[in-house]
Protein backbone atom coordinates (compact mmCIF):
# COMPACT_ATOMS: atom_id res chain seq x y z
CA UNK A 1 -33.86 77.34 20.59
CA UNK A 2 -31.18 76.33 18.22
CA UNK A 3 -27.64 75.70 18.99
CA UNK A 4 -25.87 79.01 20.10
CA UNK A 5 -22.47 80.00 19.32
CA UNK A 6 -20.31 83.16 19.94
CA UNK A 7 -17.60 84.85 18.45
CA UNK A 8 -15.70 87.57 20.51
CA UNK A 9 -13.42 89.91 18.46
CA UNK A 10 -10.34 90.34 20.41
CA UNK A 11 -7.41 90.89 18.07
CA UNK A 12 -6.95 94.56 18.10
CA UNK A 13 -4.03 96.31 19.92
CA UNK A 14 -5.89 99.68 20.64
CA UNK A 15 -3.19 102.17 19.82
CA UNK A 16 -5.40 105.11 21.04
CA UNK A 17 -5.17 103.80 24.52
CA UNK A 18 -1.49 104.72 24.36
CA UNK A 19 -0.50 101.78 26.63
CA UNK A 20 1.74 98.77 26.88
CA UNK A 21 -1.45 96.71 27.88
CA UNK A 22 -3.61 95.40 25.19
CA UNK A 23 -6.79 97.49 24.93
CA UNK A 24 -9.26 94.67 25.81
CA UNK A 25 -7.19 93.78 28.88
CA UNK A 26 -7.66 97.03 30.48
CA UNK A 27 -9.92 96.55 33.62
CA UNK A 28 -13.34 98.09 34.17
CA UNK A 29 -14.18 97.66 38.01
CA UNK A 30 -11.63 95.03 38.63
CA UNK A 31 -12.21 92.76 35.60
CA UNK A 32 -10.59 93.24 32.12
CA UNK A 33 -12.96 94.26 29.42
CA UNK A 34 -12.94 91.09 27.40
CA UNK A 35 -13.74 89.25 30.66
CA UNK A 36 -16.97 91.30 31.14
CA UNK A 37 -17.93 90.28 27.54
CA UNK A 38 -17.29 86.79 27.99
CA UNK A 39 -19.02 86.51 31.35
CA UNK A 40 -22.07 87.96 30.16
CA UNK A 41 -22.14 85.75 26.98
CA UNK A 42 -21.58 82.55 29.18
CA UNK A 43 -24.80 83.30 31.06
CA UNK A 44 -26.85 82.40 27.92
CA UNK A 45 -25.94 78.65 28.06
CA UNK A 46 -23.70 78.79 24.92
CA UNK A 47 -22.75 75.57 22.93
CA UNK A 48 -19.27 77.02 22.03
CA UNK A 49 -17.66 80.38 22.28
CA UNK A 50 -14.66 81.43 20.02
CA UNK A 51 -12.46 84.25 20.86
CA UNK A 52 -10.40 85.92 17.91
CA UNK A 53 -7.03 86.95 19.13
CA UNK A 54 -3.95 88.75 17.71
CA UNK A 55 -2.08 91.38 19.68
CA UNK A 56 -1.34 90.15 23.08
CA UNK A 57 -2.55 86.68 22.29
CA UNK A 58 -0.80 84.88 25.12
CA UNK A 59 -1.99 87.39 27.52
CA UNK A 60 -5.60 87.02 26.47
CA UNK A 61 -5.26 83.31 26.86
CA UNK A 62 -3.82 83.78 30.31
CA UNK A 63 -6.79 85.98 31.24
CA UNK A 64 -9.60 83.90 29.74
CA UNK A 65 -8.00 80.46 30.21
CA UNK A 66 -10.16 77.27 28.98
CA UNK A 67 -13.46 79.30 29.13
CA UNK A 68 -13.35 79.77 25.28
CA UNK A 69 -11.71 78.43 22.27
CA UNK A 70 -9.20 80.65 20.48
CA UNK A 71 -8.38 81.44 16.64
CA UNK A 72 -5.64 83.92 15.71
CA UNK A 73 -6.03 86.68 13.23
CA UNK A 74 -2.38 87.48 12.37
CA UNK A 75 -3.35 90.62 10.18
CA UNK A 76 -6.00 92.91 11.33
CA UNK A 77 -7.88 93.28 8.12
CA UNK A 78 -11.31 94.16 9.48
CA UNK A 79 -14.15 92.63 11.42
CA UNK A 80 -15.18 90.42 8.53
CA UNK A 81 -11.79 89.12 8.23
CA UNK A 82 -11.65 88.51 12.08
CA UNK A 83 -14.87 86.38 11.90
CA UNK A 84 -13.61 84.46 9.02
CA UNK A 85 -10.96 83.04 11.15
CA UNK A 86 -13.53 81.15 13.14
CA UNK A 87 -14.72 79.27 10.06
CA UNK A 88 -12.59 76.24 10.82
CA UNK A 89 -14.27 75.75 14.24
CA UNK A 90 -17.85 76.90 13.48
CA UNK A 91 -18.32 76.94 9.63
CA UNK A 92 -20.05 73.43 9.39
CA UNK A 93 -22.46 73.92 12.24
CA UNK A 94 -26.23 74.61 12.39
CA UNK A 95 -27.25 77.26 14.62
CA UNK A 96 -27.21 80.91 15.73
CA UNK A 97 -23.94 82.81 16.14
CA UNK A 98 -23.63 85.86 18.28
CA UNK A 99 -20.59 88.22 17.42
CA UNK A 100 -19.58 90.82 19.84
CA UNK A 101 -16.38 92.88 20.38
CA UNK A 102 -13.99 92.45 23.31
CA UNK A 103 -13.95 96.28 23.97
CA UNK A 104 -17.63 96.51 25.02
CA UNK A 105 -17.81 95.71 28.68
CA UNK A 106 -21.14 97.12 29.47
CA UNK A 107 -23.54 94.59 27.51
CA UNK A 108 -25.57 92.44 29.83
CA UNK A 109 -26.56 88.76 29.50
CA UNK A 110 -30.29 89.91 29.38
CA UNK A 111 -29.64 92.16 26.13
CA UNK A 112 -27.84 89.15 24.53
CA UNK A 113 -30.73 86.85 25.45
CA UNK A 114 -33.22 89.44 23.99
CA UNK A 115 -31.20 89.73 20.66
CA UNK A 116 -31.24 85.83 20.44
CA UNK A 117 -35.03 85.55 20.90
CA UNK A 118 -35.69 88.56 18.57
CA UNK A 119 -33.45 87.01 15.85
CA UNK A 120 -35.19 83.66 15.99
CA UNK A 121 -38.66 85.15 16.22
CA UNK A 122 -38.16 87.06 12.87
CA UNK A 123 -36.77 84.16 10.90
CA UNK A 124 -33.73 86.15 9.96
CA UNK A 125 -30.58 85.27 8.55
CA UNK A 126 -28.94 88.28 10.19
CA UNK A 127 -29.90 90.65 13.09
CA UNK A 128 -27.91 93.63 14.16
CA UNK A 129 -28.33 95.12 17.64
CA UNK A 130 -28.94 98.69 17.35
CA UNK A 131 -29.35 101.90 19.55
CA UNK A 132 -30.44 105.36 19.25
CA UNK A 133 -27.73 107.74 19.71
CA UNK A 134 -28.21 111.44 20.17
CA UNK A 135 -24.66 112.12 19.00
CA UNK A 136 -23.93 109.26 16.62
CA UNK A 137 -20.52 110.48 15.16
CA UNK A 138 -18.08 107.57 14.86
CA UNK A 139 -20.70 104.96 14.79
CA UNK A 140 -22.03 102.80 11.74
CA UNK A 141 -25.35 104.02 10.78
CA UNK A 142 -28.48 101.67 10.16
CA UNK A 143 -29.98 102.55 6.86
CA UNK A 144 -33.63 101.47 6.42
CA UNK A 145 -35.92 101.68 3.46
CA UNK A 146 -39.30 103.11 3.35
CA UNK A 147 -40.80 99.99 5.15
CA UNK A 148 -38.21 100.07 7.98
CA UNK A 149 -36.37 97.27 6.62
CA UNK A 150 -32.70 97.21 7.16
CA UNK A 151 -31.04 97.83 3.79
CA UNK A 152 -27.28 98.22 4.97
CA UNK A 153 -24.90 99.47 7.58
CA UNK A 154 -22.74 102.39 6.57
CA UNK A 155 -19.54 103.12 8.41
CA UNK A 156 -18.81 106.79 9.40
CA UNK A 157 -16.02 107.45 6.91
CA UNK A 158 -18.17 105.91 4.08
CA UNK A 159 -21.45 107.75 4.99
CA UNK A 160 -22.94 110.42 2.89
CA UNK A 161 -24.20 113.63 4.43
CA UNK A 162 -27.90 112.22 4.67
CA UNK A 163 -26.59 108.88 6.09
CA UNK A 164 -24.52 110.53 8.64
CA UNK A 165 -27.58 112.46 10.00
CA UNK A 166 -29.28 109.08 10.92
CA UNK A 167 -29.20 108.42 14.72
CA UNK A 168 -29.74 104.89 14.74
CA UNK A 169 -26.55 103.26 15.25
CA UNK A 170 -24.67 99.81 14.92
CA UNK A 171 -23.74 98.64 18.26
CA UNK A 172 -21.14 96.01 16.80
CA UNK A 173 -23.26 93.24 18.01
CA UNK A 174 -25.05 90.66 15.69
CA UNK A 175 -26.79 87.40 15.54
CA UNK A 176 -26.36 85.32 12.39
CA UNK A 177 -27.54 82.00 10.84
CA UNK A 178 -24.26 80.25 11.30
CA UNK A 179 -23.95 78.48 7.99
CA UNK A 180 -25.13 81.83 6.06
CA UNK A 181 -22.66 83.65 7.89
CA UNK A 182 -19.67 81.83 6.91
CA UNK A 183 -21.14 81.50 3.11
CA UNK A 184 -21.58 85.21 2.97
CA UNK A 185 -18.12 86.17 4.28
CA UNK A 186 -16.58 84.89 1.21
CA UNK A 187 -18.67 87.31 -0.84
CA UNK A 188 -17.55 90.51 0.65
CA UNK A 189 -14.44 92.88 -0.46
CA UNK A 190 -12.36 95.63 1.01
CA UNK A 191 -13.47 98.35 -1.41
CA UNK A 192 -13.78 100.99 1.30
CA UNK A 193 -12.25 103.96 2.91
CA UNK A 194 -10.43 101.76 5.40
CA UNK A 195 -9.41 98.98 2.92
CA UNK A 196 -10.83 96.35 5.42
CA UNK A 197 -13.41 93.64 5.13
CA UNK A 198 -16.39 94.86 7.02
CA UNK A 199 -18.75 92.58 8.77
CA UNK A 200 -21.47 94.97 8.08
CA UNK A 201 -21.33 94.47 4.42
CA UNK A 202 -22.94 91.37 4.86
CA UNK A 203 -26.35 93.10 5.29
CA UNK A 204 -26.18 94.14 1.64
CA UNK A 205 -25.19 90.66 0.44
CA UNK A 206 -28.23 89.14 2.22
CA UNK A 207 -30.48 91.94 0.95
CA UNK A 208 -29.49 91.05 -2.58
CA UNK A 209 -30.16 87.43 -2.01
CA UNK A 210 -33.64 88.24 -0.81
CA UNK A 211 -33.07 87.18 2.74
CA UNK A 212 -34.47 88.65 5.96
CA UNK A 213 -32.25 91.08 7.58
CA UNK A 214 -33.54 92.36 11.02
CA UNK A 215 -32.71 94.95 13.55
CA UNK A 216 -33.30 94.90 17.22
CA UNK A 217 -33.16 98.48 18.82
CA UNK A 218 -31.97 98.09 22.65
CA UNK A 219 -33.33 100.41 25.29
CA UNK A 220 -30.19 101.75 26.84
CA UNK A 221 -27.56 103.33 24.62
CA UNK A 222 -25.12 103.42 27.50
CA UNK A 223 -24.84 99.65 27.31
CA UNK A 224 -23.39 99.91 23.90
CA UNK A 225 -20.46 102.12 24.86
CA UNK A 226 -17.14 100.91 23.27
CA UNK A 227 -13.88 101.71 24.82
CA UNK A 228 -10.99 103.08 22.41
CA UNK A 229 -9.22 105.52 24.85
CA UNK A 230 -8.64 106.39 28.42
CA UNK A 231 -11.52 108.94 28.28
CA UNK A 232 -13.95 106.15 27.25
CA UNK A 233 -12.40 103.65 29.71
CA UNK A 234 -13.16 106.18 32.64
CA UNK A 235 -16.84 106.57 31.33
CA UNK A 236 -17.42 102.79 31.08
CA UNK A 237 -16.19 102.43 34.66
CA UNK A 238 -18.49 105.19 35.80
CA UNK A 239 -21.55 103.43 34.22
CA UNK A 240 -20.44 100.03 35.64
CA UNK A 241 -19.92 101.45 39.14
CA UNK A 242 -23.39 102.93 38.93
CA UNK A 243 -24.87 99.64 37.92
CA UNK A 244 -22.89 97.57 40.69
CA UNK A 245 -23.90 100.19 43.45
CA UNK A 246 -27.54 100.17 42.51
CA UNK A 247 -27.71 96.35 42.69
CA UNK A 248 -26.18 96.28 46.04
CA UNK A 249 -28.38 98.94 47.33
CA UNK A 250 -31.54 97.08 45.98
CA UNK A 251 -30.05 94.04 47.87
CA UNK A 252 -30.21 95.98 51.29
CA UNK A 253 -26.84 97.63 51.42
CA UNK A 254 -26.58 101.10 52.48
CA UNK A 255 -24.17 103.05 50.32
CA UNK A 256 -24.12 106.68 51.65
CA UNK A 257 -22.60 108.28 48.54
CA UNK A 258 -22.78 106.05 45.37
CA UNK A 259 -20.96 108.54 43.27
CA UNK A 260 -17.89 108.19 45.36
CA UNK A 261 -18.08 104.51 46.19
CA UNK A 262 -15.93 102.23 44.27
CA UNK A 263 -16.92 98.56 44.27
CA UNK A 264 -15.60 95.87 41.90
CA UNK A 265 -17.94 93.65 39.94
CA UNK A 266 -17.19 90.50 41.87
CA UNK A 267 -17.44 91.84 45.35
CA UNK A 268 -20.23 90.48 47.56
CA UNK A 269 -21.85 92.35 50.36
CA UNK A 270 -24.43 91.29 53.14
CA UNK A 271 -27.51 93.26 53.89
CA UNK A 272 -27.63 96.05 56.55
CA UNK A 273 -23.99 97.01 56.01
CA UNK A 274 -23.12 100.58 55.65
CA UNK A 275 -20.67 101.65 53.19
CA UNK A 276 -19.34 105.30 53.80
CA UNK A 277 -17.96 107.58 51.09
CA UNK A 278 -14.63 107.11 49.38
CA UNK A 279 -14.56 103.34 50.06
CA UNK A 280 -12.85 101.00 47.53
CA UNK A 281 -13.81 97.38 47.54
CA UNK A 282 -11.70 95.37 45.15
CA UNK A 283 -11.11 91.90 43.61
CA UNK A 284 -12.92 88.97 45.20
CA UNK A 285 -13.75 90.48 48.53
CA UNK A 286 -16.72 89.39 50.66
CA UNK A 287 -18.36 91.52 53.42
CA UNK A 288 -20.96 90.08 55.81
CA UNK A 289 -24.04 91.62 57.15
CA UNK A 290 -24.36 94.58 59.52
CA UNK A 291 -20.80 95.96 59.02
CA UNK A 292 -19.68 99.45 58.72
CA UNK A 293 -17.00 100.32 56.31
CA UNK A 294 -15.78 103.70 57.17
CA UNK A 295 -14.75 106.39 54.89
CA UNK A 296 -11.81 105.95 52.75
CA UNK A 297 -11.06 102.45 53.37
CA UNK A 298 -9.76 100.08 50.95
CA UNK A 299 -10.40 96.25 51.21
CA UNK A 300 -8.82 94.01 48.55
CA UNK A 301 -9.44 90.35 47.97
CA UNK A 302 -10.44 89.79 51.66
CA UNK A 303 -13.31 88.14 53.61
CA UNK A 304 -14.94 90.35 56.29
CA UNK A 305 -17.35 88.66 58.66
CA UNK A 306 -20.65 89.98 60.13
CA UNK A 307 -20.85 93.11 62.36
CA UNK A 308 -17.24 94.19 61.69
CA UNK A 309 -16.26 97.74 61.68
CA UNK A 310 -13.54 99.06 59.56
CA UNK A 311 -12.53 102.59 60.15
CA UNK A 312 -10.33 104.33 57.48
CA UNK A 313 -8.07 101.49 57.01
CA UNK A 314 -6.43 99.11 54.27
CA UNK A 315 -7.15 95.37 54.19
CA UNK A 316 -5.49 93.05 51.68
CA UNK A 317 -5.75 89.42 51.27
CA UNK A 318 -6.90 88.84 54.92
CA UNK A 319 -9.68 87.73 56.98
CA UNK A 320 -11.57 89.58 59.75
CA UNK A 321 -14.15 87.29 61.76
CA UNK A 322 -17.43 88.46 63.20
CA UNK A 323 -17.62 91.45 65.71
CA UNK A 324 -13.84 92.47 65.03
CA UNK A 325 -12.88 95.99 64.40
CA UNK A 326 -10.10 97.93 62.95
CA UNK A 327 -8.72 101.47 62.64
CA UNK A 328 -8.67 104.17 62.14
CA UNK A 329 -5.28 104.20 59.89
CA UNK A 330 -4.45 100.61 60.31
CA UNK A 331 -3.25 98.07 57.74
CA UNK A 332 -3.79 94.49 57.39
CA UNK A 333 -1.23 93.08 55.05
CA UNK A 334 -1.57 89.47 53.22
CA UNK A 335 -2.47 86.44 55.36
CA UNK A 336 -3.65 88.47 58.35
CA UNK A 337 -6.38 86.36 60.18
CA UNK A 338 -8.23 88.53 62.72
CA UNK A 339 -10.38 86.48 65.01
CA UNK A 340 -13.85 87.05 66.33
CA UNK A 341 -14.07 89.96 68.77
CA UNK A 342 -10.50 91.18 68.15
CA UNK A 343 -9.91 94.94 68.30
CA UNK A 344 -7.23 96.35 66.12
CA UNK A 345 -6.81 100.08 67.16
CA UNK A 346 -5.17 102.88 65.21
CA UNK A 347 -1.81 102.75 63.43
CA UNK A 348 -1.43 99.01 63.64
CA UNK A 349 0.11 96.79 60.91
CA UNK A 350 -0.58 93.04 60.95
CA UNK A 351 1.17 90.74 58.34
CA UNK A 352 0.95 87.03 58.06
CA UNK A 353 -0.47 86.75 61.55
CA UNK A 354 -3.21 85.04 63.29
CA UNK A 355 -4.82 86.84 66.15
CA UNK A 356 -7.27 84.93 68.53
CA UNK A 357 -10.78 85.85 69.79
CA UNK A 358 -11.01 88.80 71.94
CA UNK A 359 -7.42 89.73 71.58
CA UNK A 360 -6.65 93.59 71.67
CA UNK A 361 -3.94 95.16 69.74
CA UNK A 362 -4.55 98.86 70.62
CA UNK A 363 -2.10 101.30 68.71
CA UNK A 364 1.26 101.96 67.17
CA UNK A 365 2.03 98.22 66.85
CA UNK A 366 3.47 95.95 64.40
CA UNK A 367 2.39 92.13 64.39
CA UNK A 368 4.31 90.20 61.71
CA UNK A 369 4.62 86.44 61.53
CA UNK A 370 2.99 85.58 64.59
CA UNK A 371 0.15 83.48 66.28
CA UNK A 372 -1.60 85.27 69.13
CA UNK A 373 -4.05 83.41 71.31
CA UNK A 374 -7.25 84.44 72.80
CA UNK A 375 -7.72 87.48 75.35
CA UNK A 376 -4.31 88.79 74.97
CA UNK A 377 -3.50 92.64 75.50
CA UNK A 378 -0.84 93.98 73.35
CA UNK A 379 0.50 97.18 74.67
CA UNK A 380 1.19 100.47 72.67
CA UNK A 381 4.17 100.60 70.60
CA UNK A 382 4.96 96.72 70.68
CA UNK A 383 7.08 95.43 67.69
CA UNK A 384 7.16 91.75 66.87
CA UNK A 385 10.67 91.57 65.39
CA UNK A 386 10.42 88.89 62.74
CA UNK A 387 13.30 89.55 60.30
CA UNK A 388 17.05 89.06 61.01
CA UNK A 389 18.12 90.48 57.56
CA UNK A 390 17.96 87.22 55.77
CA UNK A 391 14.88 85.18 56.99
CA UNK A 392 11.69 85.81 58.59
CA UNK A 393 10.83 83.94 61.88
CA UNK A 394 7.58 83.24 63.74
CA UNK A 395 6.47 84.04 67.38
CA UNK A 396 3.69 82.17 69.59
CA UNK A 397 1.90 83.89 72.20
CA UNK A 398 -0.21 81.98 74.51
CA UNK A 399 -3.89 82.89 75.68
CA UNK A 400 -4.46 85.67 78.28
CA UNK A 401 -0.98 86.89 78.13
CA UNK A 402 -0.06 90.54 78.46
CA UNK A 403 2.48 92.40 76.45
CA UNK A 404 3.45 95.58 78.07
CA UNK A 405 3.92 98.87 76.10
CA UNK A 406 6.98 99.53 74.12
CA UNK A 407 8.13 95.90 74.12
CA UNK A 408 10.09 94.15 71.41
CA UNK A 409 9.35 90.56 70.79
CA UNK A 410 12.37 89.34 68.93
CA UNK A 411 11.41 86.22 66.84
CA UNK A 412 11.51 83.11 67.09
CA UNK A 413 10.25 83.12 70.62
CA UNK A 414 7.46 81.18 72.42
CA UNK A 415 5.41 83.13 75.06
CA UNK A 416 3.15 80.89 77.09
CA UNK A 417 -0.28 81.03 78.37
CA UNK A 418 -0.98 83.71 81.01
CA UNK A 419 2.63 85.10 80.59
CA UNK A 420 3.49 88.76 81.41
CA UNK A 421 5.94 90.94 79.40
CA UNK A 422 6.89 94.00 81.48
CA UNK A 423 6.62 97.41 79.51
CA UNK A 424 9.71 98.43 77.73
CA UNK A 425 11.16 94.80 77.46
CA UNK A 426 13.04 93.42 74.53
CA UNK A 427 12.29 89.85 74.75
CA UNK A 428 14.69 87.29 73.03
CA UNK A 429 14.09 83.95 74.98
CA UNK A 430 10.99 81.87 75.71
CA UNK A 431 8.60 82.85 78.48
CA UNK A 432 6.85 79.87 80.34
CA UNK A 433 3.33 79.99 81.18
CA UNK A 434 2.37 82.25 84.16
CA UNK A 435 5.95 83.81 84.19
CA UNK A 436 6.91 87.37 83.66
CA UNK A 437 9.63 88.62 81.71
CA UNK A 438 11.61 91.72 82.40
CA UNK A 439 14.31 92.51 79.76
CA UNK A 440 15.46 95.99 80.26
CA UNK A 441 18.42 97.81 81.78
CA UNK A 442 18.09 98.77 85.43
CA UNK A 443 17.05 102.53 85.93
CA UNK A 444 19.88 104.67 87.43
CA UNK A 445 19.31 108.58 88.44
CA UNK A 446 22.25 110.84 88.47
CA UNK A 447 21.90 113.77 90.89
CA UNK A 448 21.96 117.07 89.60
CA UNK A 449 22.87 115.95 85.99
CA UNK A 450 20.49 118.33 84.27
CA UNK A 451 22.35 121.44 85.85
CA UNK A 452 25.41 120.62 83.91
CA UNK A 453 24.01 121.14 80.17
CA UNK A 454 23.74 124.56 78.58
CA UNK A 455 20.11 123.81 78.17
CA UNK A 456 19.65 124.36 81.90
CA UNK A 457 21.15 127.97 81.79
CA UNK A 458 18.68 128.89 79.00
CA UNK A 459 15.82 127.50 81.12
CA UNK A 460 16.96 129.58 84.15
CA UNK A 461 17.36 132.79 81.99
CA UNK A 462 13.67 132.15 80.67
CA UNK A 463 12.39 131.56 84.20
CA UNK A 464 14.11 134.83 85.40
CA UNK A 465 12.58 136.69 82.32
CA UNK A 466 9.06 135.57 83.13
CA UNK A 467 9.48 136.69 86.96
CA UNK A 468 10.24 140.23 86.01
């Protein structure tokens, strides 16, 4: 095949989104729309990709980085004008140029590949990607002659009644002979309802010159969905989620309720893992095999090993190793590293802490800025006190230690292997291996103390009433 180039149109602001964020940067399943478009184009082994930017140019560059070249469209004067900005980078090259819009996140690499192949097989100077739309309002219409040859593309606002009734629509994706593309761009004008330079006007230019204009009708109209407002954004995300979930299920993942499971596009999941309803898996998350991710859990940018059970919990930027479990209603904050076989029970919060193999942190506990060894038992209601109001401090707990319920471990402190912290202690000094620390006031009982309080009189009256 000839050399392949691409131009991504990404200069518009998208006022109908009513947002401070530029339209093409709105995410669909965890990735900005324009990133989806670029990712699918990249899969076709392109020789060069050029992105036309305008509004939010620096933010677009920050998002796409060095994956594409950039040209700026300082005034938004139409799609033809936008492509013209790429002439200085592509105008003198031989090959085929794909043009796509940055607000169409659902196109696949396979569709782009089929368009390239069809274009080359027809020997066309231009090929438009079309689709059949049951409700075509708002789309450009493909107007063919009696022989089925494309004569022109008419925008909605310029269409006659007969043209508006046509259901074959322009998806906004094209292939062009690169040199012919930039020659013809100099021949179009802005004599239309919008006062813009339409890329679609090139079809009439080529027809008048007797050059072949082809149209390839794609199978799935949903793929062509463009996003102009929040309603369309939600619809695109729904289609993308369905596609993502289907792929995971085909790869051996059980998704109990696909319509209520939210998985970002870059998430990886091993076979025989079960995903229950209401789960959100976001960012660069990887989940191993044979896991159970319980209902309404959220996992963000984290690595989950094999045979891990997550019950209604939140995990952020953390790691859970094989055979560990968490929840319900617990929270791993960033930089939590949960070792193999570790049990994190209900209402536990872990932040910037490493917990060694087979250690148990049962319930109602906060572990922050700490390193816990293996085979430790952390009792209910324990708090690792890591913050003095200015700085965070670290605690180390040795293997096989026991932290009694209701203890406060005030950092910085070192607790040795096989150490024992008595329940209810506030530990502020190091504990040597095999020692026990008791750090609480001695219990004192006051005889008859209860009877001195008004509550005692009320209790007596209640007891007397029950006896009657």
